[in-house]
Amino acid sequence: MDEQKQLQYYVKIMAALNTVFDEDGENYIDVFDDDFSGNDFFHVLATRVPQMIMAKLTSQEFGPLEFNHVCNKLIMQDRIDNQKIKAK
């Protein structure tokens, strides 16, 4: 996997996600509101949104558990690739 490409994606995705914390933005989520649920927020951020993006990009539907397995494989592949690069 390409760390430089990952960094580029990270910067762009974080710029989009930062609109969630912009009080003047239409996507603002008040994380200090009494009704805010950190569990729900991070579940959606870490699981539901990536699951929907993956389904859109691949035209395949994944259940939450199946998607988790796909993510674990991607994480392991990234670690293996990074070890190969460091070994060179």
C-alpha atoms as a PDB file:
ATOM      1  CA  MET A   1       0.000   0.000   0.000  1.00  0.00           C
ATOM      2  CA  ASP A   2       1.145   3.515  -0.750  1.00  0.00           C
ATOM      3  CA  GLU A   3       1.704   5.597   2.389  1.00  0.00           C
ATOM      4  CA  GLN A   4       1.936   8.820   0.364  1.00  0.00           C
ATOM      5  CA  LYS A   5      -1.440   8.106  -1.255  1.00  0.00           C
ATOM      6  CA  GLN A   6      -2.906   7.248   2.153  1.00  0.00           C
ATOM      7  CA  LEU A   7      -1.689  10.598   3.497  1.00  0.00           C
ATOM      8  CA  GLN A   8      -3.330  12.424   0.577  1.00  0.00           C
ATOM      9  CA  TYR A   9      -6.621  10.612   1.237  1.00  0.00           C
ATOM     10  CA  TYR A  10      -6.308  11.319   4.956  1.00  0.00           C
ATOM     11  CA  VAL A  11      -5.896  15.075   4.397  1.00  0.00           C
ATOM     12  CA  LYS A  12      -8.872  15.303   2.044  1.00  0.00           C
ATOM     13  CA  ILE A  13     -11.164  13.131   4.142  1.00  0.00           C
ATOM     14  CA  MET A  14     -10.247  15.023   7.323  1.00  0.00           C
ATOM     15  CA  ALA A  15     -10.985  18.336   5.578  1.00  0.00           C
ATOM     16  CA  ALA A  16     -14.457  17.033   4.723  1.00  0.00           C
ATOM     17  CA  LEU A  17     -15.010  15.620   8.221  1.00  0.00           C
ATOM     18  CA  ASN A  18     -13.985  18.889   9.831  1.00  0.00           C
ATOM     19  CA  THR A  19     -17.204  20.434   8.491  1.00  0.00           C
ATOM     20  CA  VAL A  20     -19.018  18.322  11.091  1.00  0.00           C
ATOM     21  CA  PHE A  21     -17.362  20.450  13.794  1.00  0.00           C
ATOM     22  CA  ASP A  22     -17.953  23.823  12.091  1.00  0.00           C
ATOM     23  CA  GLU A  23     -20.720  25.537  14.077  1.00  0.00           C
ATOM     24  CA  ASP A  24     -21.764  27.526  11.017  1.00  0.00           C
ATOM     25  CA  GLY A  25     -21.881  24.504   8.710  1.00  0.00           C
ATOM     26  CA  GLU A  26     -24.982  22.596   7.690  1.00  0.00           C
ATOM     27  CA  ASN A  27     -23.425  19.303   8.880  1.00  0.00           C
ATOM     28  CA  TYR A  28     -22.548  20.565  12.361  1.00  0.00           C
ATOM     29  CA  ILE A  29     -22.750  18.075  15.225  1.00  0.00           C
ATOM     30  CA  ASP A  30     -22.542  19.555  18.703  1.00  0.00           C
ATOM     31  CA  VAL A  31     -20.386  17.076  20.588  1.00  0.00           C
ATOM     32  CA  PHE A  32     -20.980  19.007  23.804  1.00  0.00           C
ATOM     33  CA  ASP A  33     -24.760  18.756  23.595  1.00  0.00           C
ATOM     34  CA  ASP A  34     -26.378  16.712  26.378  1.00  0.00           C
ATOM     35  CA  ASP A  35     -28.042  14.578  23.705  1.00  0.00           C
ATOM     36  CA  PHE A  36     -24.718  13.723  22.005  1.00  0.00           C
ATOM     37  CA  SER A  37     -23.775  10.030  22.084  1.00  0.00           C
ATOM     38  CA  GLY A  38     -20.070   9.302  21.632  1.00  0.00           C
ATOM     39  CA  ASN A  39     -20.845   5.624  21.135  1.00  0.00           C
ATOM     40  CA  ASP A  40     -23.276   6.338  18.313  1.00  0.00           C
ATOM     41  CA  PHE A  41     -21.001   8.961  16.758  1.00  0.00           C
ATOM     42  CA  PHE A  42     -17.908   6.755  16.632  1.00  0.00           C
ATOM     43  CA  HIS A  43     -19.900   3.714  15.538  1.00  0.00           C
ATOM     44  CA  VAL A  44     -21.257   5.648  12.567  1.00  0.00           C
ATOM     45  CA  LEU A  45     -17.876   7.249  11.820  1.00  0.00           C
ATOM     46  CA  ALA A  46     -15.832   4.053  12.083  1.00  0.00           C
ATOM     47  CA  THR A  47     -18.297   1.487  10.769  1.00  0.00           C
ATOM     48  CA  ARG A  48     -21.423   2.708   9.020  1.00  0.00           C
ATOM     49  CA  VAL A  49     -19.921   5.420   6.833  1.00  0.00           C
ATOM     50  CA  PRO A  50     -16.977   3.313   5.574  1.00  0.00           C
ATOM     51  CA  GLN A  51     -19.382   0.398   5.035  1.00  0.00           C
ATOM     52  CA  MET A  52     -21.605   2.563   2.825  1.00  0.00           C
ATOM     53  CA  ILE A  53     -18.621   3.946   0.911  1.00  0.00           C
ATOM     54  CA  MET A  54     -17.307   0.427   0.285  1.00  0.00           C
ATOM     55  CA  ALA A  55     -20.737  -0.712  -0.925  1.00  0.00           C
ATOM     56  CA  LYS A  56     -20.961   2.276  -3.264  1.00  0.00           C
ATOM     57  CA  LEU A  57     -17.466   1.745  -4.696  1.00  0.00           C
ATOM     58  CA  THR A  58     -17.771  -2.018  -5.143  1.00  0.00           C
ATOM     59  CA  SER A  59     -21.526  -2.347  -5.815  1.00  0.00           C
ATOM     60  CA  GLN A  60     -21.553  -5.057  -3.136  1.00  0.00           C
ATOM     61  CA  GLU A  61     -23.604  -5.041   0.036  1.00  0.00           C
ATOM     62  CA  PHE A  62     -21.743  -5.922   3.221  1.00  0.00           C
ATOM     63  CA  GLY A  63     -23.283  -6.606   6.601  1.00  0.00           C
ATOM     64  CA  PRO A  64     -21.522  -4.992   9.576  1.00  0.00           C
ATOM     65  CA  LEU A  65     -19.673  -8.164  10.583  1.00  0.00           C
ATOM     66  CA  GLU A  66     -18.648  -9.005   7.015  1.00  0.00           C
ATOM     67  CA  PHE A  67     -17.440  -5.446   6.506  1.00  0.00           C
ATOM     68  CA  ASN A  68     -15.423  -5.697   9.716  1.00  0.00           C
ATOM     69  CA  HIS A  69     -13.680  -8.792   8.329  1.00  0.00           C
ATOM     70  CA  VAL A  70     -12.869  -6.936   5.103  1.00  0.00           C
ATOM     71  CA  CYS A  71     -11.397  -4.050   7.127  1.00  0.00           C
ATOM     72  CA  ASN A  72      -9.307  -6.419   9.235  1.00  0.00           C
ATOM     73  CA  LYS A  73      -7.882  -7.968   6.060  1.00  0.00           C
ATOM     74  CA  LEU A  74      -7.042  -4.505   4.715  1.00  0.00           C
ATOM     75  CA  ILE A  75      -5.331  -3.560   7.976  1.00  0.00           C
ATOM     76  CA  MET A  76      -3.265  -6.753   7.939  1.00  0.00           C
ATOM     77  CA  GLN A  77      -2.341  -6.247   4.275  1.00  0.00           C
ATOM     78  CA  ASP A  78      -1.221  -2.697   5.054  1.00  0.00           C
ATOM     79  CA  ARG A  79       0.968  -3.933   7.936  1.00  0.00           C
ATOM     80  CA  ILE A  80       2.503  -6.669   5.765  1.00  0.00           C
ATOM     81  CA  ASP A  81       3.210  -4.195   2.961  1.00  0.00           C
ATOM     82  CA  ASN A  82       4.792  -1.736   5.416  1.00  0.00           C
ATOM     83  CA  GLN A  83       7.045  -4.460   6.843  1.00  0.00           C
ATOM     84  CA  LYS A  84       8.196  -5.388   3.335  1.00  0.00           C
ATOM     85  CA  ILE A  85       9.040  -1.750   2.589  1.00  0.00           C
ATOM     86  CA  LYS A  86      10.965  -1.358   5.871  1.00  0.00           C
ATOM     87  CA  ALA A  87      12.884  -4.588   5.210  1.00  0.00           C
ATOM     88  CA  LYS A  88      14.293  -3.238   1.935  1.00  0.00           C
END
